[in-house]
Amino acid sequence: MVRCRFAPSPTGNLHVGGVRTALFNWLFAKNQNGSFVLRIEDTDTERSEKRFEDQILSSMKWCGLNWSEGPDIGGEYGPYRQSERVALGFYDKYAQELVERGHAYYAVYKKSNQEDVLRISMETPDISGDEVYTIKFRIPEGKTEFSDLSKGKMSFENENFSDFIIIKSNGFPTYNFAVVVDDHMMDITHVFRGEDHLTNTPRQIMIYRALDWEPPTFMHIPLILGSDRAPLSKRHGHTSVDHFREEGYLSVGLMNYLALLGWTVDEEIFDYHEKVKDFIPSDISNKGVVFDYEKLEWINGKHLRLLDPEELMIQFGLWLKFTGRFDYYAIIESDQFYSREVLTMCREKINTLEQLFDFSAPFFSDELDYQDEYVSKYLQTNWSKDLISAAIRKFEDSLDWSVEGVEKTVRELADEKIASKKNTFQTLRGGVTGRLVTPGLFETISVLGRDRVLERLENLLEMIEYEEGNLSD
């Protein structure tokens, strides 16, 4: 059975490049009716933190990349944290076997200088109080070859490698050793990972062969690049999954975009869960791909507009709680019918939930914050008071608050020529929202409804009259 894994280190927030790697492993495992395993590689004791592990698991779940075995749910190949595997002696056992076979040896160092080897031994060395020892793998003669699903046959001359540490002085395994032991013990059949690991692979193949183990099938995927075609990092912009989640991206939108970074698919907008049957590793490009923040936002906007109104409400509510906007969430929940209408209308002009929050805010606040441009261009005029007064009369008499009915009322007001049609429309727009950029004017007034519209226009008229009084004084 096909078994793939994703093995992040809990030394920081989950990077979008890591999630893309996890996605390709997940897609292949699901396509083959296999298993997708999550393993935490926490042997870097100085940098690994539990909070990062928690964040990784949370981000993976939000992305929809469910695993069949992992640190939180267990499994028959556990434990799934390397630190726990260290405690069980898994790595010591195989390191000792390598020593016994002549493929590894003990190297003794001064504590103050762990660069220069004092002596080597094929048995556990006796050391003084100011000494430590490691176990080092002995590079064999010849060459190391393997076949990569992306890059074809790879060949490395072993003379270009130096003996390397497999067990550190603190008793923990190094990456290249631990990953071999874990992948073997967990029966991992395929390893899809970034091509930055390509230089590690010969060392790992050497260990597999020294232990007479069959290596998994490797595929090294080109990295995600920044605009300068260097590997994507913080200097290019935000890169963590949590950042995009906080900014209001849908998981389906982010994963759709990441899937497109290197994978040839017959359509641009899709839910990756529906593409499992179409996934073939050979469809992944062997060329680096540039992360385009604008393209990601555009794709996310497409997904936002595909949500049915009820799901839009759910996603917006989850995002409000995730970002700690609990007061706003309570407002949204207090009148779900109204909220659903507002959000469905507002999403037509935005691409993220953060933008939806900003764009819809005037519909949920009784205290409007009038933009300076609106005040200077449309309120500080000789016709604004008359126009607002006439609008109040019109809307008080109106019985039809459908979009069509509102349009009729507004156009009749414009026909009175108190101001130009544009000025009439923009004055009303700002009068009921405080802003000059909103959803369609007629839709906005219709959704706000009679009571809100009249209250907002009456408050605006009072403000104008108050300002006039201050000026006359």
Protein backbone atom coordinates (compact mmCIF):
# COMPACT_ATOMS: atom_id res chain seq x y z
CA MET A 1 0.00 0.00 0.00
CA VAL A 2 1.19 3.52 -0.80
CA ARG A 3 2.21 5.44 2.31
CA CYS A 4 3.20 9.12 2.10
CA ARG A 5 4.16 11.45 4.91
CA PHE A 6 4.56 15.11 5.77
CA ALA A 7 7.17 15.70 8.46
CA PRO A 8 7.46 19.34 9.55
CA SER A 9 9.77 20.63 12.27
CA PRO A 10 8.03 22.64 15.04
CA THR A 11 10.53 25.49 14.88
CA GLY A 12 8.24 28.13 13.39
CA ASN A 13 4.91 28.76 11.73
CA LEU A 14 3.84 26.52 8.88
CA HIS A 15 5.14 27.90 5.56
CA VAL A 16 2.99 27.85 2.42
CA GLY A 17 5.77 25.92 0.68
CA GLY A 18 5.46 23.20 3.29
CA VAL A 19 1.71 23.06 2.83
CA ARG A 20 2.10 22.66 -0.93
CA THR A 21 4.47 19.74 -0.31
CA ALA A 22 1.95 18.24 2.11
CA LEU A 23 -0.80 18.73 -0.48
CA PHE A 24 1.05 16.78 -3.18
CA ASN A 25 1.76 13.95 -0.73
CA TRP A 26 -1.88 13.97 0.37
CA LEU A 27 -3.19 13.94 -3.21
CA PHE A 28 -1.00 11.01 -4.21
CA ALA A 29 -1.86 8.98 -1.11
CA LYS A 30 -5.58 9.55 -1.65
CA ASN A 31 -5.32 8.86 -5.37
CA GLN A 32 -3.71 5.49 -4.59
CA ASN A 33 -6.10 4.66 -1.72
CA GLY A 34 -3.09 4.81 0.56
CA SER A 35 -2.23 6.47 3.86
CA PHE A 36 -1.10 10.02 4.58
CA VAL A 37 1.03 10.23 7.73
CA LEU A 38 1.88 13.32 9.79
CA ARG A 39 5.16 13.11 11.71
CA ILE A 40 6.72 15.81 13.88
CA GLU A 41 10.51 16.07 13.51
CA ASP A 42 11.46 17.76 16.78
CA THR A 43 15.06 16.66 17.26
CA ASP A 44 16.22 20.30 17.14
CA THR A 45 15.85 20.65 20.89
CA GLU A 46 16.93 24.30 21.00
CA ARG A 47 14.37 25.59 18.48
CA SER A 48 11.46 23.13 18.68
CA GLU A 49 8.46 24.41 20.64
CA LYS A 50 5.11 22.86 21.50
CA ARG A 51 3.28 26.02 20.42
CA PHE A 52 4.64 25.62 16.91
CA GLU A 53 3.54 22.00 16.81
CA ASP A 54 0.05 23.06 17.89
CA GLN A 55 0.02 25.75 15.21
CA ILE A 56 1.14 23.28 12.54
CA LEU A 57 -1.62 20.83 13.42
CA SER A 58 -4.20 23.62 13.51
CA SER A 59 -3.09 24.97 10.12
CA MET A 60 -3.08 21.52 8.53
CA LYS A 61 -6.61 20.85 9.76
CA TRP A 62 -7.77 24.24 8.50
CA CYS A 63 -6.27 23.43 5.10
CA GLY A 64 -8.29 20.21 5.01
CA LEU A 65 -5.27 17.91 4.82
CA ASN A 66 -6.55 15.20 7.14
CA TRP A 67 -4.08 12.50 8.13
CA SER A 68 -4.69 8.84 8.96
CA GLU A 69 -1.83 8.62 11.48
CA GLY A 70 -0.16 11.32 13.53
CA PRO A 71 0.89 12.64 16.94
CA ASP A 72 -2.66 13.57 17.93
CA ILE A 73 -4.42 10.39 16.80
CA GLY A 74 -1.68 7.76 17.02
CA GLY A 75 -1.40 4.74 14.76
CA GLU A 76 0.33 1.38 14.56
CA TYR A 77 3.64 2.93 13.42
CA GLY A 78 3.92 5.43 16.27
CA PRO A 79 4.99 7.33 18.14
CA TYR A 80 4.86 10.20 15.65
CA ARG A 81 7.17 12.64 17.42
CA GLN A 82 10.88 12.04 16.98
CA SER A 83 11.60 13.08 20.57
CA GLU A 84 9.38 10.23 21.77
CA ARG A 85 11.10 7.84 19.40
CA VAL A 86 14.46 8.92 20.84
CA ALA A 87 13.23 7.96 24.33
CA LEU A 88 12.33 4.49 23.04
CA GLY A 89 15.85 3.96 21.69
CA PHE A 90 14.85 3.52 18.03
CA TYR A 91 17.79 5.53 16.67
CA ASP A 92 20.40 4.19 19.09
CA LYS A 93 19.53 0.66 18.03
CA TYR A 94 20.21 1.26 14.35
CA ALA A 95 23.21 3.51 14.98
CA GLN A 96 24.78 0.70 16.96
CA GLU A 97 23.99 -1.71 14.14
CA LEU A 98 25.81 0.57 11.71
CA VAL A 99 28.83 0.64 14.01
CA GLU A 100 28.81 -3.15 14.28
CA ARG A 101 28.69 -3.44 10.50
CA GLY A 102 31.64 -1.07 10.14
CA HIS A 103 29.57 1.69 8.51
CA ALA A 104 29.79 4.07 11.47
CA TYR A 105 32.11 4.88 14.37
CA TYR A 106 32.36 6.88 17.58
CA ALA A 107 34.13 10.23 17.37
CA VAL A 108 35.43 11.95 20.53
CA TYR A 109 35.71 15.75 20.87
CA LYS A 110 36.58 18.32 23.46
CA LYS A 111 33.42 19.96 24.83
CA SER A 112 34.99 23.30 24.00
CA ASN A 113 35.72 22.27 20.42
CA GLN A 114 33.28 19.92 18.74
CA GLU A 115 34.82 20.45 15.32
CA ASP A 116 38.13 18.61 15.59
CA VAL A 117 37.97 14.87 16.30
CA LEU A 118 40.38 13.79 19.05
CA ARG A 119 40.05 10.06 18.37
CA ILE A 120 37.68 7.50 16.94
CA SER A 121 36.52 4.14 18.24
CA MET A 122 34.42 1.18 17.15
CA GLU A 123 33.21 0.72 20.72
CA THR A 124 31.56 3.10 23.16
CA PRO A 125 34.52 5.26 24.18
CA ASP A 126 35.66 6.11 27.68
CA ILE A 127 35.71 9.88 27.94
CA SER A 128 36.92 12.41 30.47
CA GLY A 129 34.75 15.10 32.01
CA ASP A 130 35.64 17.66 29.36
CA GLU A 131 34.95 15.33 26.42
CA VAL A 132 31.87 14.28 24.44
CA TYR A 133 31.32 11.84 21.62
CA THR A 134 29.10 11.45 18.58
CA ILE A 135 28.47 8.62 16.15
CA LYS A 136 29.53 9.36 12.57
CA PHE A 137 28.58 7.56 9.38
CA ARG A 138 31.48 6.37 7.23
CA ILE A 139 31.14 7.39 3.57
CA PRO A 140 31.58 4.31 1.33
CA GLU A 141 33.61 4.30 -1.85
CA GLY A 142 32.04 4.50 -5.28
CA LYS A 143 28.94 6.41 -6.28
CA THR A 144 25.35 6.71 -5.07
CA GLU A 145 22.56 6.54 -7.62
CA PHE A 146 18.79 6.68 -7.42
CA SER A 147 15.84 7.48 -9.65
CA ASP A 148 13.82 10.61 -8.93
CA LEU A 149 10.23 10.85 -10.24
CA SER A 150 10.81 14.47 -11.22
CA LYS A 151 14.48 14.64 -12.19
CA GLY A 152 15.12 11.14 -13.50
CA LYS A 153 18.32 9.22 -12.75
CA MET A 154 20.57 10.96 -10.24
CA SER A 155 24.20 10.04 -9.67
CA PHE A 156 26.61 11.37 -7.02
CA GLU A 157 30.30 10.60 -6.53
CA ASN A 158 30.75 9.56 -2.89
CA GLU A 159 34.19 11.13 -2.73
CA ASN A 160 32.46 14.51 -2.71
CA PHE A 161 30.93 13.76 0.70
CA SER A 162 32.56 13.70 4.13
CA ASP A 163 31.73 11.41 7.03
CA PHE A 164 28.75 12.91 8.84
CA ILE A 165 27.25 12.75 12.31
CA ILE A 166 24.18 10.55 12.78
CA ILE A 167 23.92 10.70 16.61
CA LYS A 168 24.78 14.03 18.23
CA SER A 169 26.58 14.46 21.53
CA ASN A 170 23.22 15.03 23.28
CA GLY A 171 22.04 11.60 22.14
CA PHE A 172 19.60 12.93 19.56
CA PRO A 173 19.80 11.81 15.92
CA THR A 174 20.59 14.20 13.12
CA TYR A 175 18.04 14.83 10.40
CA ASN A 176 19.59 12.61 7.74
CA PHE A 177 19.69 9.62 10.07
CA ALA A 178 16.37 10.07 11.85
CA VAL A 179 14.42 10.50 8.62
CA VAL A 180 15.80 7.23 7.24
CA VAL A 181 14.98 5.25 10.40
CA ASP A 182 11.51 6.78 10.65
CA ASP A 183 10.60 6.33 7.00
CA HIS A 184 11.76 2.71 7.12
CA MET A 185 9.99 1.88 10.38
CA MET A 186 6.81 3.58 9.20
CA ASP A 187 6.85 1.76 5.85
CA ILE A 188 6.86 5.03 3.90
CA THR A 189 6.80 4.14 0.20
CA HIS A 190 7.00 7.59 -1.43
CA VAL A 191 8.69 10.80 -0.32
CA PHE A 192 7.66 13.99 -2.14
CA ARG A 193 9.62 16.97 -0.83
CA GLY A 194 11.25 20.23 -1.89
CA GLU A 195 14.29 20.09 -4.11
CA ASP A 196 16.30 21.81 -1.38
CA HIS A 197 16.51 18.30 0.14
CA LEU A 198 18.10 16.86 -3.00
CA THR A 199 21.64 17.09 -1.61
CA ASN A 200 20.53 15.22 1.52
CA THR A 201 19.21 12.27 -0.46
CA PRO A 202 22.57 10.64 -1.37
CA ARG A 203 23.53 10.53 2.31
CA GLN A 204 20.19 8.98 3.16
CA ILE A 205 20.49 6.41 0.36
CA MET A 206 23.91 5.45 1.75
CA ILE A 207 22.34 4.74 5.14
CA TYR A 208 19.53 2.70 3.58
CA ARG A 209 22.04 0.54 1.75
CA ALA A 210 24.30 0.18 4.77
CA LEU A 211 21.32 -1.26 6.68
CA ASP A 212 20.13 -3.36 3.72
CA TRP A 213 16.85 -1.44 3.57
CA GLU A 214 14.88 -0.55 0.44
CA PRO A 215 14.68 3.24 -0.01
CA PRO A 216 11.31 4.84 -0.77
CA THR A 217 10.60 6.40 -4.15
CA PHE A 218 11.74 10.02 -4.12
CA MET A 219 10.36 13.06 -5.89
CA HIS A 220 12.03 16.42 -5.37
CA ILE A 221 9.68 19.27 -6.24
CA PRO A 222 10.90 22.70 -7.39
CA LEU A 223 10.61 25.37 -4.72
CA ILE A 224 8.14 28.25 -4.60
CA LEU A 225 10.03 31.41 -5.55
CA GLY A 226 9.71 35.08 -4.76
CA SER A 227 9.56 37.83 -7.39
CA ASP A 228 13.37 37.84 -7.56
CA ARG A 229 13.28 34.06 -8.23
CA ALA A 230 14.98 33.30 -4.92
CA PRO A 231 13.23 30.81 -2.62
CA LEU A 232 10.10 32.43 -1.15
CA SER A 233 10.87 33.97 2.25
CA LYS A 234 9.69 36.75 4.54
CA ARG A 235 11.60 39.34 2.54
CA HIS A 236 9.14 38.76 -0.32
CA GLY A 237 6.07 39.12 1.92
CA HIS A 238 4.17 37.02 4.38
CA THR A 239 4.60 33.27 3.93
CA SER A 240 2.88 31.51 6.86
CA VAL A 241 -0.47 29.75 6.54
CA ASP A 242 -1.69 31.55 9.67
CA HIS A 243 -1.05 34.94 8.05
CA PHE A 244 -3.26 34.14 5.08
CA ARG A 245 -5.90 32.72 7.40
CA GLU A 246 -5.85 35.91 9.48
CA GLU A 247 -6.05 38.03 6.33
CA GLY A 248 -9.32 36.33 5.47
CA TYR A 249 -8.38 33.82 2.82
CA LEU A 250 -10.53 30.72 2.54
CA SER A 251 -8.66 27.44 2.93
CA VAL A 252 -10.13 26.26 -0.37
CA GLY A 253 -8.84 29.41 -2.07
CA LEU A 254 -5.33 29.12 -0.65
CA MET A 255 -5.10 25.42 -1.45
CA ASN A 256 -6.45 25.98 -4.97
CA TYR A 257 -3.68 28.50 -5.60
CA LEU A 258 -0.93 26.35 -4.06
CA ALA A 259 -2.04 23.41 -6.19
CA LEU A 260 -1.60 25.54 -9.30
CA LEU A 261 2.02 26.29 -8.35
CA GLY A 262 3.60 23.60 -10.45
CA TRP A 263 0.69 21.23 -11.03
CA THR A 264 -0.89 21.15 -14.48
CA VAL A 265 -4.66 21.11 -14.06
CA ASP A 266 -7.37 21.46 -16.70
CA GLU A 267 -9.15 24.31 -14.90
CA GLU A 268 -8.14 27.25 -12.76
CA ILE A 269 -10.80 27.37 -10.03
CA PHE A 270 -11.44 24.13 -8.15
CA ASP A 271 -11.65 22.39 -4.79
CA TYR A 272 -8.60 20.13 -4.57
CA HIS A 273 -10.64 17.42 -2.82
CA GLU A 274 -12.45 16.95 -6.12
CA LYS A 275 -9.16 16.54 -8.02
CA VAL A 276 -7.82 13.47 -6.21
CA LYS A 277 -8.73 11.15 -9.09
CA ASP A 278 -6.83 13.37 -11.56
CA PHE A 279 -3.55 13.63 -9.63
CA ILE A 280 -0.50 12.18 -11.38
CA PRO A 281 3.00 13.03 -10.04
CA SER A 282 4.30 13.46 -13.60
CA ASP A 283 1.94 16.43 -14.00
CA ILE A 284 4.04 18.41 -11.52
CA SER A 285 6.40 20.77 -13.33
CA ASN A 286 10.15 20.49 -12.85
CA LYS A 287 10.50 24.28 -12.98
CA GLY A 288 10.38 26.76 -10.11
CA VAL A 289 7.19 28.81 -9.78
CA VAL A 290 6.81 32.40 -8.56
CA PHE A 291 4.33 33.13 -5.78
CA ASP A 292 1.88 35.78 -7.03
CA TYR A 293 0.01 37.44 -4.18
CA GLU A 294 -2.40 39.19 -6.55
CA LYS A 295 -3.29 35.93 -8.29
CA LEU A 296 -3.93 34.30 -4.92
CA GLU A 297 -6.29 37.11 -3.93
CA TRP A 298 -8.13 36.87 -7.26
CA ILE A 299 -8.61 33.11 -6.88
CA ASN A 300 -9.83 33.57 -3.32
CA GLY A 301 -12.39 36.11 -4.52
CA LYS A 302 -13.71 33.59 -7.02
CA HIS A 303 -14.21 31.05 -4.24
CA LEU A 304 -15.89 33.61 -1.99
CA ARG A 305 -18.47 34.28 -4.70
CA LEU A 306 -19.06 30.56 -5.23
CA LEU A 307 -20.14 30.01 -1.62
CA ASP A 308 -23.86 29.74 -1.03
CA PRO A 309 -25.10 32.48 1.36
CA GLU A 310 -25.36 30.13 4.32
CA GLU A 311 -21.80 28.83 3.89
CA LEU A 312 -20.58 32.41 3.45
CA MET A 313 -22.12 33.25 6.83
CA ILE A 314 -20.44 30.23 8.40
CA GLN A 315 -17.00 31.01 6.96
CA PHE A 316 -17.26 34.68 7.92
CA GLY A 317 -18.32 33.75 11.45
CA LEU A 318 -15.45 31.29 11.86
CA TRP A 319 -13.00 33.92 10.64
CA LEU A 320 -14.39 36.55 13.05
CA LYS A 321 -13.88 34.17 15.97
CA PHE A 322 -10.40 33.14 14.75
CA THR A 323 -9.33 36.80 14.65
CA GLY A 324 -10.91 37.60 18.01
CA ARG A 325 -13.73 39.82 16.72
CA PHE A 326 -16.29 38.32 19.07
CA ASP A 327 -18.40 41.50 19.45
CA TYR A 328 -18.78 41.71 15.70
CA TYR A 329 -19.63 38.01 15.56
CA ALA A 330 -22.43 38.60 18.09
CA ILE A 331 -23.83 41.39 15.90
CA ILE A 332 -23.77 39.16 12.83
CA GLU A 333 -25.52 36.35 14.67
CA SER A 334 -28.18 38.61 16.19
CA ASP A 335 -29.94 39.09 12.82
CA GLN A 336 -28.88 36.29 10.50
CA PHE A 337 -31.32 37.12 7.72
CA TYR A 338 -30.09 40.71 7.47
CA SER A 339 -26.44 39.66 7.84
CA ARG A 340 -26.77 37.08 5.07
CA GLU A 341 -28.20 39.72 2.71
CA VAL A 342 -25.44 42.20 3.54
CA LEU A 343 -22.57 39.74 3.15
CA THR A 344 -23.94 38.25 -0.06
CA MET A 345 -24.26 41.73 -1.55
CA CYS A 346 -20.87 43.01 -0.34
CA ARG A 347 -18.83 40.02 -1.50
CA GLU A 348 -19.27 41.00 -5.14
CA LYS A 349 -16.61 43.69 -4.84
CA ILE A 350 -14.06 42.08 -2.51
CA ASN A 351 -11.66 39.13 -2.49
CA THR A 352 -11.00 38.26 1.17
CA LEU A 353 -12.93 38.01 4.42
CA GLU A 354 -10.86 40.89 5.81
CA GLN A 355 -12.02 43.04 2.90
CA LEU A 356 -15.57 41.80 3.45
CA PHE A 357 -15.32 42.88 7.08
CA ASP A 358 -14.21 46.38 6.10
CA PHE A 359 -16.68 46.68 3.23
CA SER A 360 -19.69 45.50 5.24
CA ALA A 361 -18.87 47.42 8.44
CA PRO A 362 -21.19 50.40 7.72
CA PHE A 363 -24.15 48.01 7.49
CA PHE A 364 -23.64 46.83 11.05
CA SER A 365 -22.74 50.07 12.82
CA ASP A 366 -25.15 52.75 14.00
CA GLU A 367 -22.30 55.25 14.25
CA LEU A 368 -21.20 56.13 10.72
CA ASP A 369 -17.69 57.45 10.17
CA TYR A 370 -18.08 59.86 7.25
CA GLN A 371 -15.09 59.92 4.94
CA ASP A 372 -13.38 63.31 4.63
CA GLU A 373 -13.77 63.25 0.87
CA TYR A 374 -17.51 62.70 1.23
CA VAL A 375 -17.87 65.59 3.66
CA SER A 376 -15.88 68.05 1.57
CA LYS A 377 -17.35 67.14 -1.84
CA TYR A 378 -20.98 66.41 -0.99
CA LEU A 379 -21.93 67.79 2.42
CA GLN A 380 -20.19 71.15 2.43
CA THR A 381 -22.31 72.40 -0.48
CA ASN A 382 -25.21 74.77 -0.85
CA TRP A 383 -27.55 71.96 -1.87
CA SER A 384 -26.79 69.09 0.53
CA LYS A 385 -29.33 70.12 3.19
CA ASP A 386 -32.13 70.47 0.64
CA LEU A 387 -31.23 67.18 -1.02
CA ILE A 388 -31.15 65.21 2.26
CA SER A 389 -34.45 66.80 3.36
CA ALA A 390 -36.08 65.87 0.05
CA ALA A 391 -34.66 62.32 0.29
CA ILE A 392 -36.17 61.88 3.74
CA ARG A 393 -39.59 62.94 2.44
CA LYS A 394 -39.32 60.62 -0.53
CA PHE A 395 -38.31 57.60 1.53
CA GLU A 396 -40.96 58.29 4.18
CA ASP A 397 -43.61 58.08 1.48
CA SER A 398 -42.10 55.03 -0.23
CA LEU A 399 -43.88 51.70 0.19
CA ASP A 400 -41.69 49.63 -2.12
CA TRP A 401 -38.25 48.85 -0.67
CA SER A 402 -37.26 46.30 -3.25
CA VAL A 403 -34.21 47.13 -5.36
CA GLU A 404 -36.53 48.18 -8.18
CA GLY A 405 -38.66 50.29 -5.85
CA VAL A 406 -35.61 52.02 -4.38
CA GLU A 407 -34.26 52.76 -7.83
CA LYS A 408 -37.55 54.40 -8.80
CA THR A 409 -37.52 56.58 -5.66
CA VAL A 410 -33.89 57.66 -6.09
CA ARG A 411 -34.34 58.49 -9.77
CA GLU A 412 -37.42 60.56 -8.97
CA LEU A 413 -35.32 62.45 -6.43
CA ALA A 414 -32.61 63.05 -9.03
CA ASP A 415 -35.28 64.34 -11.44
CA GLU A 416 -36.04 67.16 -8.97
CA LYS A 417 -32.60 68.52 -9.98
CA ILE A 418 -31.65 69.74 -6.52
CA ALA A 419 -28.21 68.49 -7.55
CA SER A 420 -26.85 66.60 -10.54
CA LYS A 421 -27.70 62.93 -10.83
CA LYS A 422 -24.15 61.92 -9.86
CA ASN A 423 -24.17 64.25 -6.87
CA THR A 424 -27.57 62.95 -5.84
CA PHE A 425 -26.45 59.34 -6.00
CA GLN A 426 -23.14 59.94 -4.20
CA THR A 427 -24.72 62.09 -1.48
CA LEU A 428 -27.20 59.33 -0.73
CA ARG A 429 -24.51 56.68 -0.89
CA GLY A 430 -22.35 58.47 1.66
CA GLY A 431 -25.39 59.48 3.68
CA VAL A 432 -26.40 55.91 4.45
CA THR A 433 -22.90 54.34 4.68
CA GLY A 434 -20.43 57.17 5.29
CA ARG A 435 -18.46 56.01 2.25
CA LEU A 436 -18.22 56.74 -1.46
CA VAL A 437 -17.41 53.15 -2.49
CA THR A 438 -20.13 50.66 -1.59
CA PRO A 439 -22.13 47.90 -3.19
CA GLY A 440 -24.72 49.12 -5.73
CA LEU A 441 -26.58 52.14 -4.37
CA PHE A 442 -30.06 50.73 -4.92
CA GLU A 443 -29.10 47.35 -3.45
CA THR A 444 -27.46 49.08 -0.46
CA ILE A 445 -30.54 51.14 0.39
CA SER A 446 -32.85 48.18 -0.17
CA VAL A 447 -30.87 45.90 2.16
CA LEU A 448 -30.51 48.57 4.84
CA GLY A 449 -34.29 48.96 4.84
CA ARG A 450 -36.65 51.78 5.71
CA ASP A 451 -35.85 52.25 9.39
CA ARG A 452 -32.06 52.30 9.03
CA VAL A 453 -32.10 54.54 5.96
CA LEU A 454 -34.42 57.13 7.49
CA GLU A 455 -32.56 57.13 10.81
CA ARG A 456 -29.22 57.63 9.08
CA LEU A 457 -30.49 60.41 6.81
CA GLU A 458 -32.18 62.19 9.72
CA ASN A 459 -28.97 62.00 11.77
CA LEU A 460 -27.06 63.36 8.79
CA LEU A 461 -29.51 66.25 8.42
CA GLU A 462 -29.12 67.09 12.10
CA MET A 463 -25.35 67.09 11.67
CA ILE A 464 -25.59 69.48 8.70
CA GLU A 465 -27.91 71.82 10.60
CA TYR A 466 -25.63 71.69 13.64
CA GLU A 467 -22.63 72.62 11.52
CA GLU A 468 -24.60 75.46 9.92
CA GLY A 469 -25.49 76.78 13.36
CA ASN A 470 -21.87 76.77 14.45
CA LEU A 471 -20.83 78.60 11.30
CA SER A 472 -23.50 81.30 11.75
CA ASP A 473 -22.38 81.88 15.34
